Amino acid sequence: MKRVAVLLFVLLGLMAGSGAAQSPGLPPLNVVAADGVPASVLRQPDPSSWLILYVSPECPPCDRLIQMLPTWQPAPSAGRVVVIVGAPLADARAYVDGINWLPASGVSWFADPAGAAAKSLKLTGRFGLSGVRADRLEWTVAGVLNDPSSLKSVVESWLRR
């Protein structure tokens, strides 16, 4: 629990600071769109703060996090959250089909069959959550996700921006 508190403190400090001038630009995220066409997640229609959620089908904490998201305020919406599934397109589609809220929300999702997006985001595990603003990667939480609910305040405050 102490680690989570320290992590949240560091993230909130980064979010509150003037990190935008020092943060790296959003790297190219070469993925596959739902229709099977290669794509690159570079810009969202909403220019404010948005999230990239990287999940893997074989990650139970990722499943819990993605099921919790629509209950947080503000709820994920088109242009504010992008989901990248680390799997071949067919497996990613099957995973997304099991997420009951995703199609109705308009949230975009992509497959990362070769792990190229995970490498670009420098993810070390099956999970990653990144905050993006003005096409700049502001922060990333990655690795092992023990308690998905510990990210609630970070997600909510970022999406309120």
C-alpha atoms as a PDB file:
ATOM      1  CA  MET A   1       0.000   0.000   0.000  1.00  0.00           C
ATOM      2  CA  LYS A   2       2.901   2.315   0.776  1.00  0.00           C
ATOM      3  CA  ARG A   3       4.296   1.756  -2.728  1.00  0.00           C
ATOM      4  CA  VAL A   4       0.957   2.700  -4.280  1.00  0.00           C
ATOM      5  CA  ALA A   5       0.820   5.910  -2.233  1.00  0.00           C
ATOM      6  CA  VAL A   6       4.362   6.842  -3.315  1.00  0.00           C
ATOM      7  CA  LEU A   7       3.549   6.038  -6.941  1.00  0.00           C
ATOM      8  CA  LEU A   8       0.401   8.159  -6.855  1.00  0.00           C
ATOM      9  CA  PHE A   9       2.304  11.011  -5.193  1.00  0.00           C
ATOM     10  CA  VAL A  10       4.969  10.921  -7.914  1.00  0.00           C
ATOM     11  CA  LEU A  11       2.377  10.760 -10.689  1.00  0.00           C
ATOM     12  CA  LEU A  12       0.337  13.617  -9.291  1.00  0.00           C
ATOM     13  CA  GLY A  13       3.513  15.657  -8.920  1.00  0.00           C
ATOM     14  CA  LEU A  14       4.375  15.026 -12.544  1.00  0.00           C
ATOM     15  CA  MET A  15       0.870  15.916 -13.629  1.00  0.00           C
ATOM     16  CA  ALA A  16       0.850  19.157 -11.620  1.00  0.00           C
ATOM     17  CA  GLY A  17       4.333  20.248 -12.631  1.00  0.00           C
ATOM     18  CA  SER A  18       5.488  21.837 -15.834  1.00  0.00           C
ATOM     19  CA  GLY A  19       6.463  18.478 -17.315  1.00  0.00           C
ATOM     20  CA  ALA A  20       4.817  19.229 -20.664  1.00  0.00           C
ATOM     21  CA  ALA A  21       7.868  21.159 -21.865  1.00  0.00           C
ATOM     22  CA  GLN A  22      10.208  18.359 -20.831  1.00  0.00           C
ATOM     23  CA  SER A  23       8.094  15.303 -21.646  1.00  0.00           C
ATOM     24  CA  PRO A  24       8.818  13.343 -24.805  1.00  0.00           C
ATOM     25  CA  GLY A  25       6.543  13.474 -27.797  1.00  0.00           C
ATOM     26  CA  LEU A  26       4.180  10.582 -28.271  1.00  0.00           C
ATOM     27  CA  PRO A  27       6.175   7.836 -29.988  1.00  0.00           C
ATOM     28  CA  PRO A  28       4.753   6.162 -33.079  1.00  0.00           C
ATOM     29  CA  LEU A  29       2.404   3.417 -31.934  1.00  0.00           C
ATOM     30  CA  ASN A  30       2.124   1.115 -34.918  1.00  0.00           C
ATOM     31  CA  VAL A  31      -0.902  -1.059 -34.301  1.00  0.00           C
ATOM     32  CA  VAL A  32      -3.713  -2.750 -36.201  1.00  0.00           C
ATOM     33  CA  ALA A  33      -7.168  -1.150 -36.225  1.00  0.00           C
ATOM     34  CA  ALA A  34     -10.337  -3.167 -35.607  1.00  0.00           C
ATOM     35  CA  ASP A  35     -10.893  -3.451 -39.363  1.00  0.00           C
ATOM     36  CA  GLY A  36      -7.460  -5.066 -39.826  1.00  0.00           C
ATOM     37  CA  VAL A  37      -5.792  -2.009 -41.363  1.00  0.00           C
ATOM     38  CA  PRO A  38      -2.395  -0.971 -39.991  1.00  0.00           C
ATOM     39  CA  ALA A  39      -2.713   2.252 -38.031  1.00  0.00           C
ATOM     40  CA  SER A  40      -0.764   4.591 -35.812  1.00  0.00           C
ATOM     41  CA  VAL A  41      -2.195   6.038 -32.616  1.00  0.00           C
ATOM     42  CA  LEU A  42      -0.772   9.536 -32.780  1.00  0.00           C
ATOM     43  CA  ARG A  43      -3.579  11.968 -32.150  1.00  0.00           C
ATOM     44  CA  GLN A  44      -7.051  11.913 -30.687  1.00  0.00           C
ATOM     45  CA  PRO A  45      -9.868  14.210 -31.768  1.00  0.00           C
ATOM     46  CA  ASP A  46     -10.088  15.719 -28.295  1.00  0.00           C
ATOM     47  CA  PRO A  47      -6.928  17.822 -27.765  1.00  0.00           C
ATOM     48  CA  SER A  48      -7.139  17.739 -23.976  1.00  0.00           C
ATOM     49  CA  SER A  49      -5.664  15.081 -21.749  1.00  0.00           C
ATOM     50  CA  TRP A  50      -6.321  11.498 -22.799  1.00  0.00           C
ATOM     51  CA  LEU A  51      -5.222   7.995 -21.823  1.00  0.00           C
ATOM     52  CA  ILE A  52      -3.653   5.038 -23.549  1.00  0.00           C
ATOM     53  CA  LEU A  53      -4.571   1.814 -21.782  1.00  0.00           C
ATOM     54  CA  TYR A  54      -2.404  -1.137 -22.831  1.00  0.00           C
ATOM     55  CA  VAL A  55      -3.782  -4.511 -21.766  1.00  0.00           C
ATOM     56  CA  SER A  56      -3.148  -8.173 -22.468  1.00  0.00           C
ATOM     57  CA  PRO A  57      -5.829 -10.857 -22.649  1.00  0.00           C
ATOM     58  CA  GLU A  58      -3.957 -13.085 -20.200  1.00  0.00           C
ATOM     59  CA  CYS A  59      -3.784 -10.414 -17.489  1.00  0.00           C
ATOM     60  CA  PRO A  60      -6.531 -10.805 -14.826  1.00  0.00           C
ATOM     61  CA  PRO A  61      -5.763  -7.422 -13.174  1.00  0.00           C
ATOM     62  CA  CYS A  62      -6.108  -5.799 -16.629  1.00  0.00           C
ATOM     63  CA  ASP A  63      -9.544  -7.403 -16.908  1.00  0.00           C
ATOM     64  CA  ARG A  64     -10.557  -5.970 -13.539  1.00  0.00           C
ATOM     65  CA  LEU A  65      -9.246  -2.509 -14.449  1.00  0.00           C
ATOM     66  CA  ILE A  66     -11.026  -2.394 -17.789  1.00  0.00           C
ATOM     67  CA  GLN A  67     -14.290  -3.482 -16.153  1.00  0.00           C
ATOM     68  CA  MET A  68     -13.922  -0.777 -13.448  1.00  0.00           C
ATOM     69  CA  LEU A  69     -13.223   2.110 -15.831  1.00  0.00           C
ATOM     70  CA  PRO A  70     -16.817   2.935 -16.818  1.00  0.00           C
ATOM     71  CA  THR A  71     -17.778   3.330 -13.150  1.00  0.00           C
ATOM     72  CA  TRP A  72     -15.163   6.042 -12.589  1.00  0.00           C
ATOM     73  CA  GLN A  73     -15.988   9.688 -13.255  1.00  0.00           C
ATOM     74  CA  PRO A  74     -15.670  10.918 -15.857  1.00  0.00           C
ATOM     75  CA  ALA A  75     -16.300   7.629 -17.640  1.00  0.00           C
ATOM     76  CA  PRO A  76     -14.059   6.740 -20.590  1.00  0.00           C
ATOM     77  CA  SER A  77     -15.309   8.236 -23.823  1.00  0.00           C
ATOM     78  CA  ALA A  78     -14.339   8.560 -27.460  1.00  0.00           C
ATOM     79  CA  GLY A  79     -11.273  10.739 -27.830  1.00  0.00           C
ATOM     80  CA  ARG A  80     -10.312  10.481 -24.151  1.00  0.00           C
ATOM     81  CA  VAL A  81      -9.263   6.807 -23.896  1.00  0.00           C
ATOM     82  CA  VAL A  82      -7.615   4.460 -26.378  1.00  0.00           C
ATOM     83  CA  VAL A  83      -7.303   0.754 -25.614  1.00  0.00           C
ATOM     84  CA  ILE A  84      -4.440  -1.229 -27.141  1.00  0.00           C
ATOM     85  CA  VAL A  85      -4.661  -4.990 -26.749  1.00  0.00           C
ATOM     86  CA  GLY A  86      -1.324  -6.793 -26.867  1.00  0.00           C
ATOM     87  CA  ALA A  87      -2.434  -9.696 -29.042  1.00  0.00           C
ATOM     88  CA  PRO A  88      -3.069 -10.720 -32.653  1.00  0.00           C
ATOM     89  CA  LEU A  89      -6.158  -9.092 -34.157  1.00  0.00           C
ATOM     90  CA  ALA A  90      -8.472 -12.107 -33.745  1.00  0.00           C
ATOM     91  CA  ASP A  91      -7.498 -12.522 -30.087  1.00  0.00           C
ATOM     92  CA  ALA A  92      -7.786  -8.768 -29.475  1.00  0.00           C
ATOM     93  CA  ARG A  93     -11.252  -8.730 -31.056  1.00  0.00           C
ATOM     94  CA  ALA A  94     -12.368 -11.653 -28.854  1.00  0.00           C
ATOM     95  CA  TYR A  95     -11.018  -9.829 -25.801  1.00  0.00           C
ATOM     96  CA  VAL A  96     -12.779  -6.566 -26.706  1.00  0.00           C
ATOM     97  CA  ASP A  97     -16.032  -8.426 -27.435  1.00  0.00           C
ATOM     98  CA  GLY A  98     -15.990  -9.537 -23.793  1.00  0.00           C
ATOM     99  CA  ILE A  99     -15.923  -5.926 -22.552  1.00  0.00           C
ATOM    100  CA  ASN A 100     -19.591  -5.013 -22.444  1.00  0.00           C
ATOM    101  CA  TRP A 101     -19.217  -1.223 -22.147  1.00  0.00           C
ATOM    102  CA  LEU A 102     -16.551  -0.624 -24.782  1.00  0.00           C
ATOM    103  CA  PRO A 103     -18.611  -0.684 -28.026  1.00  0.00           C
ATOM    104  CA  ALA A 104     -21.255   1.714 -26.666  1.00  0.00           C
ATOM    105  CA  SER A 105     -18.646   4.188 -25.392  1.00  0.00           C
ATOM    106  CA  GLY A 106     -17.056   4.869 -28.769  1.00  0.00           C
ATOM    107  CA  VAL A 107     -13.622   4.232 -27.264  1.00  0.00           C
ATOM    108  CA  SER A 108     -11.158   3.236 -29.983  1.00  0.00           C
ATOM    109  CA  TRP A 109      -9.283  -0.010 -29.650  1.00  0.00           C
ATOM    110  CA  PHE A 110      -6.336  -1.464 -31.521  1.00  0.00           C
ATOM    111  CA  ALA A 111      -4.397  -4.729 -31.618  1.00  0.00           C
ATOM    112  CA  ASP A 112      -0.650  -4.871 -31.066  1.00  0.00           C
ATOM    113  CA  PRO A 113       0.173  -8.274 -32.571  1.00  0.00           C
ATOM    114  CA  ALA A 114       3.951  -7.886 -32.694  1.00  0.00           C
ATOM    115  CA  GLY A 115       4.341  -5.836 -29.506  1.00  0.00           C
ATOM    116  CA  ALA A 116       5.604  -2.785 -31.414  1.00  0.00           C
ATOM    117  CA  ALA A 117       3.417  -0.349 -29.461  1.00  0.00           C
ATOM    118  CA  ALA A 118       4.500  -1.909 -26.157  1.00  0.00           C
ATOM    119  CA  LYS A 119       8.144  -1.402 -27.171  1.00  0.00           C
ATOM    120  CA  SER A 120       7.493   2.204 -28.215  1.00  0.00           C
ATOM    121  CA  LEU A 121       5.852   2.896 -24.860  1.00  0.00           C
ATOM    122  CA  LYS A 122       8.722   1.067 -23.091  1.00  0.00           C
ATOM    123  CA  LEU A 123       6.313  -1.236 -21.281  1.00  0.00           C
ATOM    124  CA  THR A 124       7.848  -4.029 -19.253  1.00  0.00           C
ATOM    125  CA  GLY A 125       4.773  -6.098 -18.451  1.00  0.00           C
ATOM    126  CA  ARG A 126       1.313  -6.946 -19.719  1.00  0.00           C
ATOM    127  CA  PHE A 127      -0.137  -3.643 -18.589  1.00  0.00           C
ATOM    128  CA  GLY A 128       0.476   0.032 -19.203  1.00  0.00           C
ATOM    129  CA  LEU A 129      -1.432   3.222 -18.593  1.00  0.00           C
ATOM    130  CA  SER A 130      -0.137   6.436 -20.139  1.00  0.00           C
ATOM    131  CA  GLY A 131      -1.318  10.013 -19.873  1.00  0.00           C
ATOM    132  CA  VAL A 132      -1.053  12.084 -23.050  1.00  0.00           C
ATOM    133  CA  ARG A 133      -1.603  15.811 -23.487  1.00  0.00           C
ATOM    134  CA  ALA A 134      -0.906  17.972 -26.528  1.00  0.00           C
ATOM    135  CA  ASP A 135       0.597  14.943 -28.300  1.00  0.00           C
ATOM    136  CA  ARG A 136       3.156  14.512 -25.547  1.00  0.00           C
ATOM    137  CA  LEU A 137       3.550  11.494 -23.345  1.00  0.00           C
ATOM    138  CA  GLU A 138       3.275  12.985 -19.843  1.00  0.00           C
ATOM    139  CA  TRP A 139       3.434   9.873 -17.639  1.00  0.00           C
ATOM    140  CA  THR A 140       3.241   6.084 -17.704  1.00  0.00           C
ATOM    141  CA  VAL A 141       2.434   3.458 -15.121  1.00  0.00           C
ATOM    142  CA  ALA A 142       3.555   0.019 -16.258  1.00  0.00           C
ATOM    143  CA  GLY A 143       4.499  -3.414 -15.074  1.00  0.00           C
ATOM    144  CA  VAL A 144       2.608  -5.421 -12.495  1.00  0.00           C
ATOM    145  CA  LEU A 145      -0.893  -4.280 -11.611  1.00  0.00           C
ATOM    146  CA  ASN A 146      -1.870  -5.763  -8.261  1.00  0.00           C
ATOM    147  CA  ASP A 147      -4.793  -3.521  -7.343  1.00  0.00           C
ATOM    148  CA  PRO A 148      -6.509  -1.827 -10.308  1.00  0.00           C
ATOM    149  CA  SER A 149      -8.614   0.346  -7.987  1.00  0.00           C
ATOM    150  CA  SER A 150      -5.412   2.091  -6.856  1.00  0.00           C
ATOM    151  CA  LEU A 151      -5.389   3.904 -10.221  1.00  0.00           C
ATOM    152  CA  LYS A 152      -8.852   5.420  -9.795  1.00  0.00           C
ATOM    153  CA  SER A 153      -7.780   8.858  -8.564  1.00  0.00           C
ATOM    154  CA  VAL A 154      -5.051   9.147 -11.212  1.00  0.00           C
ATOM    155  CA  VAL A 155      -7.446   8.249 -14.048  1.00  0.00           C
ATOM    156  CA  GLU A 156     -10.243  10.472 -12.796  1.00  0.00           C
ATOM    157  CA  SER A 157      -8.062  13.517 -12.226  1.00  0.00           C
ATOM    158  CA  TRP A 158      -6.347  13.117 -15.612  1.00  0.00           C
ATOM    159  CA  LEU A 159      -9.646  12.805 -17.503  1.00  0.00           C
ATOM    160  CA  ARG A 160     -11.021  15.905 -15.748  1.00  0.00           C
ATOM    161  CA  ARG A 161      -8.284  18.048 -17.302  1.00  0.00           C
END
